[in-house]
Amino acid sequence: MPEVIFNGPDGRIEGRYHHSKQSNAPLALILHPHPQHGGTMNNKVVFSIYQNFVRRGFSTLRFNFRGVGRSQGVFDNGQGELSDAAAALDWMQTHNPNSQTCWTAGFSFGAWISMQLMMRRPEITGFISVAPPASTNDFTFLAPCPASGLIVHGSDDEVIPVGSVEKLTQKLSIQKNITIDYRVVKGCNHFFNNHQKELTEHIDDYLEKNLILAA
């Protein structure tokens, strides 16, 4: 899990990167929660998602948005963070020229940024959104949603009401050629405290069903 530093639009960006042994391995980019609420690439949910993809043979990157950890810059309300994510994907593609597919995943604020990135980068073919902030952030840009994916939310989320995520899922699910696998973890709060195992199992199950790539 080597540390990497690469150039972003507002200075250097700090990340952790796993390079797959397969020359044409798919890519996975993992985005962390809100920087102004303690979100970093070392968040336990982010790390768990990262490990899910590593076990599946992906070349996988998680990184700190601008102003977090050793990443330069200051918080930019999502616009700059989206640019950071695009730079991170560019960096991965440079180091994986034979890769044909890419997935993006995010937790909370990171889910919002990751789905915006998906709208701008057609090479992204799948997504995983954990506790997407559907009640506080605008997701109307997903019209249409360009790829199928997994949404996981806690039934007892005290930050993002589960009903708002259900409405988002319903809007996405009626779009043509898009399949949204929506899963609710009972008794789980926004931070998945004491429910890490269930989250990992849901992600593993989804990837097992939706990847040709062997574990």
Protein backbone atom coordinates (compact mmCIF):
# COMPACT_ATOMS: atom_id res chain seq x y z
CA MET A 1 0.00 0.00 0.00
CA PRO A 2 2.62 2.54 -1.08
CA GLU A 3 2.20 6.24 -0.42
CA VAL A 4 2.04 8.31 -3.58
CA ILE A 5 2.24 12.05 -4.24
CA PHE A 6 1.02 13.42 -7.55
CA ASN A 7 0.24 16.81 -9.01
CA GLY A 8 -3.29 18.14 -8.68
CA PRO A 9 -4.90 21.33 -9.94
CA ASP A 10 -4.09 23.15 -6.68
CA GLY A 11 -0.76 21.56 -5.73
CA ARG A 12 0.37 18.13 -4.66
CA ILE A 13 -2.11 15.42 -3.68
CA GLU A 14 -1.37 12.67 -1.17
CA GLY A 15 -2.67 9.17 -1.79
CA ARG A 16 -2.34 5.47 -1.13
CA TYR A 17 -2.14 3.23 -4.17
CA HIS A 18 -2.22 -0.49 -4.88
CA HIS A 19 -0.97 -1.50 -8.32
CA SER A 20 -2.44 -4.74 -9.61
CA LYS A 21 -0.16 -7.43 -10.95
CA GLN A 22 -2.43 -7.77 -13.98
CA SER A 23 -1.34 -5.54 -16.86
CA ASN A 24 -4.91 -4.81 -17.97
CA ALA A 25 -6.52 -4.67 -14.53
CA PRO A 26 -9.50 -2.34 -14.06
CA LEU A 27 -9.15 0.80 -11.99
CA ALA A 28 -10.95 1.84 -8.82
CA LEU A 29 -10.92 5.35 -7.36
CA ILE A 30 -12.18 5.77 -3.79
CA LEU A 31 -13.29 9.16 -2.43
CA HIS A 32 -13.53 10.17 1.23
CA PRO A 33 -16.16 12.04 3.29
CA HIS A 34 -16.48 15.77 3.83
CA PRO A 35 -13.09 17.41 4.53
CA GLN A 36 -14.62 19.93 6.93
CA HIS A 37 -16.14 17.20 9.07
CA GLY A 38 -13.01 15.14 9.58
CA GLY A 39 -13.14 13.16 6.35
CA THR A 40 -9.84 11.70 5.12
CA MET A 41 -8.64 8.84 2.94
CA ASN A 42 -7.99 6.88 6.16
CA ASN A 43 -11.67 6.87 7.12
CA LYS A 44 -12.59 3.31 8.06
CA VAL A 45 -15.39 3.05 5.47
CA VAL A 46 -13.11 4.39 2.73
CA PHE A 47 -10.38 1.94 3.72
CA SER A 48 -12.86 -0.93 3.74
CA ILE A 49 -14.06 -0.10 0.21
CA TYR A 50 -10.44 0.24 -0.90
CA GLN A 51 -9.67 -3.25 0.41
CA ASN A 52 -12.73 -4.67 -1.36
CA PHE A 53 -11.35 -3.56 -4.72
CA VAL A 54 -7.76 -4.56 -3.95
CA ARG A 55 -8.92 -8.11 -3.20
CA ARG A 56 -10.65 -8.16 -6.59
CA GLY A 57 -7.43 -7.41 -8.42
CA PHE A 58 -8.07 -3.75 -9.21
CA SER A 59 -5.40 -1.09 -9.35
CA THR A 60 -6.87 1.00 -6.56
CA LEU A 61 -6.28 4.55 -5.34
CA ARG A 62 -7.59 6.53 -2.41
CA PHE A 63 -6.38 10.06 -1.77
CA ASN A 64 -6.85 13.15 0.36
CA PHE A 65 -8.78 16.02 -1.16
CA ARG A 66 -7.12 19.44 -1.21
CA GLY A 67 -6.36 20.78 2.25
CA VAL A 68 -6.54 17.36 3.91
CA GLY A 69 -3.45 15.65 5.32
CA ARG A 70 -0.48 16.42 3.09
CA SER A 71 -2.59 17.47 0.10
CA GLN A 72 -2.13 21.14 -0.74
CA GLY A 73 -4.87 23.70 -1.23
CA VAL A 74 -8.05 24.60 0.64
CA PHE A 75 -11.60 23.26 0.66
CA ASP A 76 -13.56 24.38 -2.40
CA ASN A 77 -17.18 23.31 -1.77
CA GLY A 78 -16.99 20.42 -4.20
CA GLN A 79 -15.79 22.10 -7.39
CA GLY A 80 -12.10 21.86 -6.57
CA GLU A 81 -12.57 18.42 -5.06
CA LEU A 82 -14.10 17.23 -8.33
CA SER A 83 -11.01 18.54 -10.11
CA ASP A 84 -8.85 16.66 -7.60
CA ALA A 85 -10.72 13.44 -8.39
CA ALA A 86 -10.26 13.97 -12.12
CA ALA A 87 -6.52 14.51 -11.59
CA ALA A 88 -6.37 11.31 -9.52
CA LEU A 89 -8.05 9.34 -12.30
CA ASP A 90 -5.66 10.85 -14.84
CA TRP A 91 -2.72 9.76 -12.68
CA MET A 92 -4.02 6.21 -12.44
CA GLN A 93 -4.61 5.99 -16.17
CA THR A 94 -1.06 7.15 -16.84
CA HIS A 95 0.22 4.25 -14.73
CA ASN A 96 -2.26 1.76 -16.22
CA PRO A 97 -2.28 2.44 -19.99
CA ASN A 98 -3.76 -0.97 -20.80
CA SER A 99 -6.74 -0.70 -18.47
CA GLN A 100 -10.08 -0.70 -20.25
CA THR A 101 -12.53 -0.06 -17.41
CA CYS A 102 -12.81 2.01 -14.28
CA TRP A 103 -15.01 2.07 -11.20
CA THR A 104 -15.53 4.89 -8.76
CA ALA A 105 -16.71 4.68 -5.17
CA GLY A 106 -17.32 7.15 -2.41
CA PHE A 107 -18.63 7.58 1.09
CA SER A 108 -21.00 10.47 1.94
CA PHE A 109 -19.51 13.67 0.41
CA GLY A 110 -17.17 11.40 -1.55
CA ALA A 111 -20.17 9.61 -3.08
CA TRP A 112 -21.48 12.95 -4.36
CA ILE A 113 -18.13 13.83 -5.93
CA SER A 114 -17.65 10.34 -7.37
CA MET A 115 -21.00 10.41 -9.15
CA GLN A 116 -20.22 13.83 -10.61
CA LEU A 117 -16.93 12.45 -11.89
CA MET A 118 -18.82 9.56 -13.47
CA MET A 119 -20.89 12.04 -15.47
CA ARG A 120 -17.74 13.58 -16.92
CA ARG A 121 -15.67 10.46 -17.58
CA PRO A 122 -17.32 7.89 -19.87
CA GLU A 123 -14.66 5.30 -19.08
CA ILE A 124 -16.26 4.85 -15.63
CA THR A 125 -18.45 1.77 -15.97
CA GLY A 126 -19.62 1.14 -12.42
CA PHE A 127 -20.03 2.82 -9.05
CA ILE A 128 -20.50 2.19 -5.37
CA SER A 129 -22.09 4.95 -3.28
CA VAL A 130 -22.18 4.55 0.49
CA ALA A 131 -24.48 6.94 2.38
CA PRO A 132 -24.82 9.42 -0.50
CA PRO A 133 -25.89 12.85 0.84
CA ALA A 134 -29.18 12.95 -1.04
CA SER A 135 -30.87 15.28 1.46
CA THR A 136 -28.16 17.94 1.47
CA ASN A 137 -26.58 17.85 -2.00
CA ASP A 138 -28.02 18.17 -5.49
CA PHE A 139 -27.99 14.93 -7.51
CA THR A 140 -30.11 16.20 -10.41
CA PHE A 141 -27.02 16.06 -12.62
CA LEU A 142 -27.63 12.30 -12.89
CA ALA A 143 -29.93 12.77 -15.87
CA PRO A 144 -29.33 10.35 -17.25
CA CYS A 145 -27.17 8.27 -14.94
CA PRO A 146 -24.40 6.87 -17.17
CA ALA A 147 -23.74 3.58 -15.35
CA SER A 148 -25.30 1.01 -13.07
CA GLY A 149 -24.14 0.70 -9.50
CA LEU A 150 -24.63 -0.11 -5.83
CA ILE A 151 -26.06 2.24 -3.21
CA VAL A 152 -25.74 1.24 0.47
CA HIS A 153 -27.34 3.23 3.29
CA GLY A 154 -28.04 2.81 6.98
CA SER A 155 -31.64 2.57 8.16
CA ASP A 156 -30.82 4.73 11.18
CA ASP A 157 -28.67 7.32 9.42
CA GLU A 158 -28.94 10.43 11.57
CA VAL A 159 -27.23 12.70 9.01
CA ILE A 160 -28.89 11.68 5.73
CA PRO A 161 -32.46 10.37 6.16
CA VAL A 162 -32.95 7.02 4.48
CA GLY A 163 -36.06 8.34 2.73
CA SER A 164 -34.03 10.85 0.72
CA VAL A 165 -31.78 8.10 -0.57
CA GLU A 166 -34.78 5.94 -1.44
CA LYS A 167 -36.15 8.79 -3.58
CA LEU A 168 -32.80 9.18 -5.34
CA THR A 169 -32.65 5.46 -6.00
CA GLN A 170 -36.17 5.45 -7.42
CA LYS A 171 -35.33 8.31 -9.81
CA LEU A 172 -32.23 6.51 -11.05
CA SER A 173 -33.89 3.11 -11.32
CA ILE A 174 -36.53 4.24 -13.81
CA GLN A 175 -33.88 5.30 -16.31
CA LYS A 176 -33.33 3.05 -19.31
CA ASN A 177 -30.50 0.52 -19.25
CA ILE A 178 -29.60 1.39 -15.66
CA THR A 179 -29.80 -1.02 -12.73
CA ILE A 180 -29.41 0.33 -9.20
CA ASP A 181 -28.83 -2.26 -6.50
CA TYR A 182 -30.08 -0.50 -3.35
CA ARG A 183 -29.33 -2.07 0.02
CA VAL A 184 -30.28 -0.83 3.49
CA VAL A 185 -28.30 -1.95 6.53
CA LYS A 186 -30.71 -2.25 9.43
CA GLY A 187 -29.84 -0.45 12.66
CA CYS A 188 -26.89 1.29 11.00
CA ASN A 189 -26.00 4.96 11.46
CA HIS A 190 -24.28 7.30 9.01
CA PHE A 191 -20.80 6.17 9.99
CA PHE A 192 -21.50 2.43 9.88
CA ASN A 193 -20.34 2.03 13.45
CA ASN A 194 -20.48 -1.68 14.34
CA HIS A 195 -21.70 -2.47 10.82
CA GLN A 196 -18.44 -2.60 8.89
CA LYS A 197 -18.80 -6.33 8.31
CA GLU A 198 -22.24 -5.97 6.71
CA LEU A 199 -20.98 -3.19 4.46
CA THR A 200 -18.04 -5.28 3.30
CA GLU A 201 -20.32 -8.24 2.64
CA HIS A 202 -22.71 -6.14 0.54
CA ILE A 203 -19.87 -4.73 -1.55
CA ASP A 204 -18.23 -8.14 -2.00
CA ASP A 205 -21.55 -9.64 -3.04
CA TYR A 206 -22.21 -6.88 -5.55
CA LEU A 207 -18.74 -7.09 -7.09
CA GLU A 208 -18.99 -10.88 -7.26
CA LYS A 209 -22.18 -10.60 -9.26
CA ASN A 210 -21.07 -7.79 -11.52
CA LEU A 211 -17.44 -8.52 -12.38
CA ILE A 212 -15.93 -10.95 -14.80
CA LEU A 213 -12.63 -10.40 -13.08
CA ALA A 214 -11.74 -13.26 -10.77
CA ALA A 215 -11.00 -12.52 -7.15
